[in-house]
Amino acid sequence: METLCRQLAEGFTARGHDVLVVTYGGEAERPSPAGPGFRVLTLPSRGTTFEWSRRIVPVLRGLRPDVCHVHNLHSTVAPAVWLARRRPYVLTAHYHGRGHTLAARLVHPAYRRVAARVVRDAAAVTAVSQAEARLVHRHFGVLPEVIPNGVDTPAQPARSTVDAPPTIVVVSRLVPYKRVDAVVRALADLPGFRLHVVGDGPQRADLRTLADRLGVAGRMRLTTERLTDDAVRAILRDAAVHVNLSAAEAFSYTVLEALAAGTPVVTSGDTALAEWGTRFPAVVRTADPARPADVAGAVRSLAGRRAEVDLGEYALPVVLDRYETVYERVARIPHRAAR
């Protein structure tokens, strides 16, 4: 989600549009320093799962954009845009249909009534996959336009090294629904492989304990520091296989980046992950996370292959064109001309 927002801000600034990003994350309200070309306003906020800023509604009411593009129906930003009566707005839902923590699951049934108003009042609703679009339609009666996430797809150089042994890469937040533990369990059935996990989260200690118990800790590397996009792409490029066994994905940017890097992928086949196996069956295999041997078999079947697939529909300029068409359709052109 953060990657998509950055791509849109950078892309539309480069196309000559005036872009303001409003976001949470500070102790005091502050504009960004000059540099990125677009403006960023960071609002003081509290909370984690239900992060909120008392400033967001007044700030939004004071703006006069041609289009407001709000992301993440699960966050408090979307209802804030609705409460501020900031019209027209485009909603990209990034919707999973349920919460992933106990608190979120308890609140979600009541919140869905609010979310329904946010969805139905949007000038346009988009989803990043067919699976997400079907879920939004089933829950709210609105069928979103599907615009996938985008990636720059320059020609990928050959691997700088030949893995010996080959490496499985997982790029993920370390939270239960991402099921990184299932990959660690599969490693016990893959004696010729190493595992590189890139990410951090509350499951970090549990994953280390599991690796010790299974006797695979010496073959597992855990990188928890934040890496640059280029560094992550290099790790994916040099991997034998990328694995994403998440229980819920609206799209999975890591799968797209792995394929763009030429690396085959094993997924759980749940939610939007199923679409990758249908779209690219030669280089994306599904496996049951509850069966380590099944995951291990899928990894073995793909290791040593290069993923050579047509990602034209995911090319960033194509994605920007599609969002620009949506903006033009809903923008208040008479208002702009009158200024």
Protein backbone atom coordinates (compact mmCIF):
# COMPACT_ATOMS: atom_id res chain seq x y z
CA MET A 1 0.00 0.00 0.00
CA GLU A 2 2.79 2.42 0.94
CA THR A 3 4.62 1.53 -2.27
CA LEU A 4 1.55 2.25 -4.38
CA CYS A 5 1.02 5.61 -2.67
CA ARG A 6 4.64 6.57 -3.29
CA GLN A 7 4.42 5.49 -6.93
CA LEU A 8 1.27 7.56 -7.47
CA ALA A 9 2.74 10.63 -5.75
CA GLU A 10 6.00 10.45 -7.69
CA GLY A 11 4.35 9.49 -10.96
CA PHE A 12 1.73 12.22 -11.02
CA THR A 13 4.17 14.85 -9.83
CA ALA A 14 6.37 13.91 -12.79
CA ARG A 15 3.32 14.33 -15.05
CA GLY A 16 2.85 17.91 -13.87
CA HIS A 17 0.11 17.45 -11.28
CA ASP A 18 0.09 19.15 -7.87
CA VAL A 19 0.19 16.31 -5.32
CA LEU A 20 -0.32 16.55 -1.55
CA VAL A 21 0.00 13.44 0.63
CA VAL A 22 -1.73 13.59 4.03
CA THR A 23 -0.60 10.91 6.45
CA TYR A 24 -0.30 9.96 10.12
CA GLY A 25 2.84 9.45 12.13
CA GLY A 26 4.09 12.37 14.14
CA GLU A 27 3.97 14.10 17.50
CA ALA A 28 3.29 17.44 15.83
CA GLU A 29 1.76 18.52 12.55
CA ARG A 30 4.51 19.18 10.05
CA PRO A 31 5.04 19.53 6.32
CA SER A 32 7.75 17.48 4.69
CA PRO A 33 11.11 19.06 3.85
CA ALA A 34 11.53 20.07 0.23
CA GLY A 35 12.84 17.35 -2.02
CA PRO A 36 10.43 14.72 -3.33
CA GLY A 37 8.58 17.11 -5.67
CA PHE A 38 5.23 16.40 -4.02
CA ARG A 39 4.19 17.73 -0.62
CA VAL A 40 3.65 15.59 2.47
CA LEU A 41 1.67 16.72 5.51
CA THR A 42 2.26 14.46 8.55
CA LEU A 43 -0.41 14.71 11.23
CA PRO A 44 0.01 13.98 14.94
CA SER A 45 -1.62 10.64 15.70
CA ARG A 46 -2.22 8.07 18.40
CA GLY A 47 -2.75 4.35 18.43
CA THR A 48 -1.47 1.46 16.33
CA THR A 49 -4.18 -0.84 14.98
CA PHE A 50 -6.70 2.00 15.17
CA GLU A 51 -4.36 4.93 14.57
CA TRP A 52 -6.21 8.23 14.52
CA SER A 53 -5.53 11.97 14.38
CA ARG A 54 -7.96 14.58 15.67
CA ARG A 55 -6.51 16.91 13.04
CA ILE A 56 -7.36 14.88 9.96
CA VAL A 57 -11.01 15.90 9.54
CA PRO A 58 -10.34 19.67 9.99
CA VAL A 59 -7.34 19.48 7.66
CA LEU A 60 -9.32 17.66 4.97
CA ARG A 61 -12.19 20.13 5.26
CA GLY A 62 -9.72 22.95 4.61
CA LEU A 63 -8.43 21.46 1.37
CA ARG A 64 -9.90 22.03 -2.08
CA PRO A 65 -8.48 19.26 -4.24
CA ASP A 66 -9.90 18.26 -7.60
CA VAL A 67 -9.69 14.64 -6.44
CA CYS A 68 -8.97 13.02 -3.09
CA HIS A 69 -7.57 9.49 -3.40
CA VAL A 70 -7.89 7.55 -0.15
CA HIS A 71 -6.27 4.17 0.50
CA ASN A 72 -7.12 1.35 2.91
CA LEU A 73 -10.72 0.78 3.93
CA HIS A 74 -9.41 -0.94 7.08
CA SER A 75 -7.80 2.25 8.42
CA THR A 76 -9.39 5.30 10.02
CA VAL A 77 -8.29 7.49 7.10
CA ALA A 78 -11.14 6.33 4.85
CA PRO A 79 -13.98 7.22 7.26
CA ALA A 80 -12.17 10.51 8.00
CA VAL A 81 -12.40 11.46 4.32
CA TRP A 82 -16.09 10.55 4.37
CA LEU A 83 -16.74 12.52 7.58
CA ALA A 84 -14.92 15.56 6.16
CA ARG A 85 -17.27 15.44 3.17
CA ARG A 86 -14.23 15.70 0.96
CA ARG A 87 -15.80 15.11 -2.45
CA PRO A 88 -15.11 13.67 -4.92
CA TYR A 89 -12.95 10.91 -3.55
CA VAL A 90 -11.55 7.77 -5.13
CA LEU A 91 -11.26 4.79 -2.78
CA THR A 92 -8.67 2.06 -3.26
CA ALA A 93 -9.86 -0.42 -0.67
CA HIS A 94 -6.92 -2.82 -0.05
CA TYR A 95 -9.69 -4.86 1.56
CA HIS A 96 -9.28 -8.22 3.31
CA GLY A 97 -12.82 -8.56 4.61
CA ARG A 98 -11.80 -9.11 8.22
CA GLY A 99 -9.34 -7.96 10.87
CA HIS A 100 -6.10 -9.78 11.63
CA THR A 101 -5.86 -9.05 15.36
CA LEU A 102 -8.32 -9.92 18.13
CA ALA A 103 -9.25 -6.26 18.60
CA ALA A 104 -9.74 -5.73 14.87
CA ARG A 105 -11.88 -8.87 14.54
CA LEU A 106 -14.11 -7.75 17.41
CA VAL A 107 -14.63 -4.28 15.95
CA HIS A 108 -14.90 -5.27 12.31
CA PRO A 109 -18.61 -6.34 12.18
CA ALA A 110 -19.72 -2.96 13.56
CA TYR A 111 -17.20 -1.06 11.45
CA ARG A 112 -18.50 -2.69 8.27
CA ARG A 113 -21.65 -0.56 8.52
CA VAL A 114 -19.50 2.58 8.46
CA ALA A 115 -17.34 1.12 5.70
CA ALA A 116 -20.43 0.53 3.57
CA ARG A 117 -21.18 4.26 3.57
CA VAL A 118 -17.56 5.07 2.70
CA VAL A 119 -17.66 2.67 -0.25
CA ARG A 120 -21.05 3.76 -1.58
CA ASP A 121 -20.30 7.48 -1.39
CA ALA A 122 -17.03 7.20 -3.32
CA ALA A 123 -16.98 8.71 -6.81
CA ALA A 124 -14.97 5.66 -7.88
CA VAL A 125 -13.84 2.50 -6.12
CA THR A 126 -10.82 0.53 -7.27
CA ALA A 127 -9.35 -2.79 -6.21
CA VAL A 128 -5.89 -4.17 -6.90
CA SER A 129 -7.05 -7.69 -7.81
CA GLN A 130 -10.11 -9.58 -9.00
CA ALA A 131 -10.30 -11.43 -5.68
CA GLU A 132 -10.45 -8.16 -3.77
CA ALA A 133 -13.03 -6.72 -6.18
CA ARG A 134 -15.30 -9.75 -5.66
CA LEU A 135 -14.98 -9.42 -1.89
CA VAL A 136 -15.86 -5.70 -1.93
CA HIS A 137 -18.85 -6.44 -4.18
CA ARG A 138 -20.04 -9.26 -1.94
CA HIS A 139 -19.80 -7.16 1.24
CA PHE A 140 -20.91 -3.74 -0.03
CA GLY A 141 -22.75 -4.22 -3.33
CA VAL A 142 -20.28 -2.08 -5.29
CA LEU A 143 -18.10 -3.65 -7.98
CA PRO A 144 -14.70 -1.90 -8.08
CA GLU A 145 -12.63 -1.30 -11.16
CA VAL A 146 -9.54 -3.51 -10.97
CA ILE A 147 -6.25 -1.66 -11.38
CA PRO A 148 -3.30 -3.85 -10.37
CA ASN A 149 -0.27 -2.55 -8.56
CA GLY A 150 2.56 -1.53 -10.84
CA VAL A 151 6.26 -2.22 -11.05
CA ASP A 152 9.16 -0.91 -13.08
CA THR A 153 10.31 -3.80 -15.23
CA PRO A 154 13.80 -3.08 -16.58
CA ALA A 155 15.75 -5.97 -18.01
CA GLN A 156 17.11 -8.04 -15.13
CA PRO A 157 20.82 -8.93 -15.16
CA ALA A 158 21.86 -12.49 -14.49
CA ARG A 159 22.37 -13.52 -10.88
CA SER A 160 25.59 -12.14 -9.48
CA THR A 161 26.27 -15.45 -7.73
CA VAL A 162 25.09 -19.02 -8.01
CA ASP A 163 23.50 -20.04 -4.71
CA ALA A 164 25.18 -23.02 -3.10
CA PRO A 165 22.94 -24.09 -1.51
CA PRO A 166 20.00 -22.30 -3.18
CA THR A 167 18.08 -19.76 -1.12
CA ILE A 168 14.34 -19.45 -0.45
CA VAL A 169 13.34 -15.85 0.19
CA VAL A 170 10.37 -14.59 2.20
CA VAL A 171 9.66 -10.85 2.32
CA SER A 172 6.94 -10.24 4.89
CA ARG A 173 5.80 -8.69 8.11
CA LEU A 174 6.22 -11.28 10.83
CA VAL A 175 2.60 -11.61 11.93
CA PRO A 176 0.55 -14.82 12.26
CA TYR A 177 -1.65 -14.51 9.15
CA LYS A 178 1.43 -14.22 6.92
CA ARG A 179 2.28 -17.83 7.93
CA VAL A 180 6.05 -17.44 7.73
CA ASP A 181 6.26 -20.26 10.28
CA ALA A 182 4.97 -22.64 7.57
CA VAL A 183 8.03 -21.83 5.45
CA VAL A 184 10.33 -22.52 8.43
CA ARG A 185 8.63 -25.90 8.91
CA ALA A 186 9.09 -26.71 5.21
CA LEU A 187 12.81 -25.93 5.51
CA ALA A 188 13.18 -29.06 7.64
CA ASP A 189 12.15 -31.03 4.51
CA LEU A 190 14.60 -29.10 2.30
CA PRO A 191 18.09 -30.03 3.54
CA GLY A 192 19.73 -28.60 0.42
CA PHE A 193 18.27 -25.11 0.87
CA ARG A 194 18.73 -21.99 2.97
CA LEU A 195 15.96 -19.60 4.01
CA HIS A 196 16.30 -15.80 4.06
CA VAL A 197 13.43 -14.00 5.81
CA VAL A 198 13.30 -10.23 5.24
CA GLY A 199 10.96 -8.45 7.61
CA ASP A 200 10.10 -7.86 11.24
CA GLY A 201 7.15 -8.12 13.58
CA PRO A 202 5.83 -9.70 16.77
CA GLN A 203 6.53 -13.26 15.58
CA ARG A 204 10.29 -12.74 15.31
CA ALA A 205 11.21 -14.54 18.54
CA ASP A 206 8.74 -17.37 17.87
CA LEU A 207 10.26 -18.00 14.45
CA ARG A 208 13.76 -18.20 15.92
CA THR A 209 12.51 -20.63 18.58
CA LEU A 210 10.80 -22.78 15.95
CA ALA A 211 13.94 -22.86 13.79
CA ASP A 212 16.00 -23.96 16.80
CA ARG A 213 13.51 -26.70 17.67
CA LEU A 214 13.47 -28.02 14.09
CA GLY A 215 17.26 -27.91 13.82
CA VAL A 216 17.26 -25.47 10.88
CA ALA A 217 18.45 -22.30 12.64
CA GLY A 218 21.85 -22.62 10.99
CA ARG A 219 20.19 -22.45 7.57
CA MET A 220 17.84 -19.54 8.33
CA ARG A 221 18.84 -15.88 8.08
CA LEU A 222 16.55 -13.18 9.45
CA THR A 223 17.00 -9.59 8.23
CA THR A 224 14.89 -7.24 10.32
CA GLU A 225 16.35 -3.84 9.41
CA ARG A 226 14.59 -1.71 6.81
CA LEU A 227 16.18 -2.18 3.38
CA THR A 228 16.00 -0.02 0.28
CA ASP A 229 13.76 -1.11 -2.59
CA ASP A 230 16.84 -1.86 -4.67
CA ALA A 231 18.28 -4.06 -1.92
CA VAL A 232 15.05 -6.08 -1.67
CA ARG A 233 14.93 -6.47 -5.46
CA ALA A 234 18.51 -7.76 -5.45
CA ILE A 235 17.64 -10.32 -2.76
CA LEU A 236 14.62 -11.49 -4.76
CA ARG A 237 16.66 -11.61 -7.97
CA ASP A 238 19.32 -13.83 -6.41
CA ALA A 239 16.83 -16.22 -4.79
CA ALA A 240 16.02 -19.66 -6.12
CA VAL A 241 12.37 -19.29 -5.08
CA HIS A 242 10.22 -16.65 -3.38
CA VAL A 243 7.53 -17.97 -1.02
CA ASN A 244 4.38 -16.17 0.16
CA LEU A 245 2.00 -18.39 2.14
CA SER A 246 -0.16 -15.57 3.52
CA ALA A 247 -3.76 -16.30 4.48
CA ALA A 248 -4.96 -12.94 3.15
CA GLU A 249 -3.61 -10.74 0.37
CA ALA A 250 -5.36 -8.11 -1.69
CA PHE A 251 -2.57 -8.36 -4.30
CA SER A 252 0.97 -9.27 -3.06
CA TYR A 253 3.53 -6.82 -4.28
CA THR A 254 6.33 -9.22 -3.31
CA VAL A 255 5.08 -11.78 -5.82
CA LEU A 256 5.05 -9.15 -8.58
CA GLU A 257 8.55 -7.97 -7.68
CA ALA A 258 9.85 -11.55 -7.60
CA LEU A 259 8.44 -12.27 -11.06
CA ALA A 260 9.85 -8.98 -12.34
CA ALA A 261 13.22 -10.10 -10.97
CA GLY A 262 12.92 -13.42 -12.80
CA THR A 263 12.34 -15.54 -9.68
CA PRO A 264 9.61 -18.22 -9.49
CA VAL A 265 7.11 -18.19 -6.64
CA VAL A 266 5.29 -20.56 -4.29
CA THR A 267 2.05 -19.24 -2.77
CA SER A 268 -0.71 -20.51 -0.51
CA GLY A 269 -3.32 -19.94 -3.21
CA ASP A 270 -5.51 -18.06 -0.72
CA THR A 271 -7.40 -14.87 -1.67
CA ALA A 272 -5.58 -12.84 -4.35
CA LEU A 273 -2.57 -15.19 -4.31
CA ALA A 274 -4.64 -17.70 -6.30
CA GLU A 275 -4.64 -15.33 -9.28
CA TRP A 276 -0.88 -15.52 -9.70
CA GLY A 277 -0.94 -19.28 -10.16
CA THR A 278 -3.74 -18.99 -12.70
CA ARG A 279 -2.01 -16.18 -14.58
CA PHE A 280 1.51 -17.67 -14.59
CA PRO A 281 1.17 -21.42 -13.94
CA ALA A 282 4.63 -22.31 -15.24
CA VAL A 283 6.44 -20.26 -12.60
CA VAL A 284 3.91 -19.87 -9.75
CA ARG A 285 2.88 -22.96 -7.79
CA THR A 286 0.42 -23.25 -4.91
CA ALA A 287 1.01 -25.33 -1.79
CA ASP A 288 -0.89 -26.12 1.39
CA PRO A 289 0.76 -24.23 4.29
CA ALA A 290 -0.49 -26.90 6.72
CA ARG A 291 1.62 -29.54 4.93
CA PRO A 292 5.36 -28.82 5.06
CA ALA A 293 6.07 -31.60 2.57
CA ASP A 294 3.70 -29.98 0.06
CA VAL A 295 5.47 -26.63 0.41
CA ALA A 296 8.86 -28.31 0.12
CA GLY A 297 7.78 -30.18 -3.02
CA ALA A 298 6.60 -26.96 -4.68
CA VAL A 299 9.92 -25.29 -3.86
CA ARG A 300 11.89 -28.18 -5.35
CA SER A 301 9.78 -28.15 -8.52
CA LEU A 302 10.63 -24.50 -9.20
CA ALA A 303 14.20 -24.19 -7.95
CA GLY A 304 16.62 -23.57 -10.79
CA ARG A 305 14.03 -22.03 -13.12
CA ARG A 306 13.95 -18.43 -14.27
CA ALA A 307 10.58 -16.70 -14.48
CA GLU A 308 10.23 -15.18 -17.94
CA VAL A 309 6.71 -13.73 -18.06
CA ASP A 310 4.93 -10.82 -19.71
CA LEU A 311 4.24 -8.20 -17.05
CA GLY A 312 3.05 -5.52 -19.46
CA GLU A 313 -0.27 -4.99 -17.68
CA TYR A 314 1.64 -4.29 -14.44
CA ALA A 315 4.06 -1.78 -15.96
CA LEU A 316 4.00 1.37 -13.87
CA PRO A 317 3.23 3.79 -16.76
CA VAL A 318 0.21 1.65 -17.67
CA VAL A 319 -1.04 1.69 -14.07
CA LEU A 320 -0.56 5.47 -13.84
CA ASP A 321 -2.50 5.91 -17.09
CA ARG A 322 -5.42 3.93 -15.68
CA TYR A 323 -5.55 5.92 -12.44
CA GLU A 324 -5.28 9.16 -14.39
CA THR A 325 -8.32 8.13 -16.43
CA VAL A 326 -10.25 7.56 -13.19
CA TYR A 327 -9.18 10.95 -11.83
CA GLU A 328 -10.21 12.72 -15.02
CA ARG A 329 -13.59 11.01 -14.93
CA VAL A 330 -14.42 12.15 -11.39
CA ALA A 331 -12.49 15.45 -11.20
CA ARG A 332 -14.33 18.72 -10.74
CA ILE A 333 -13.14 20.19 -14.03
CA PRO A 334 -15.53 23.21 -13.87
CA HIS A 335 -14.16 24.02 -10.41
CA ARG A 336 -10.60 23.84 -11.71
CA ALA A 337 -11.37 26.09 -14.68
CA ALA A 338 -13.00 28.68 -12.42
CA ARG A 339 -9.97 29.13 -10.21
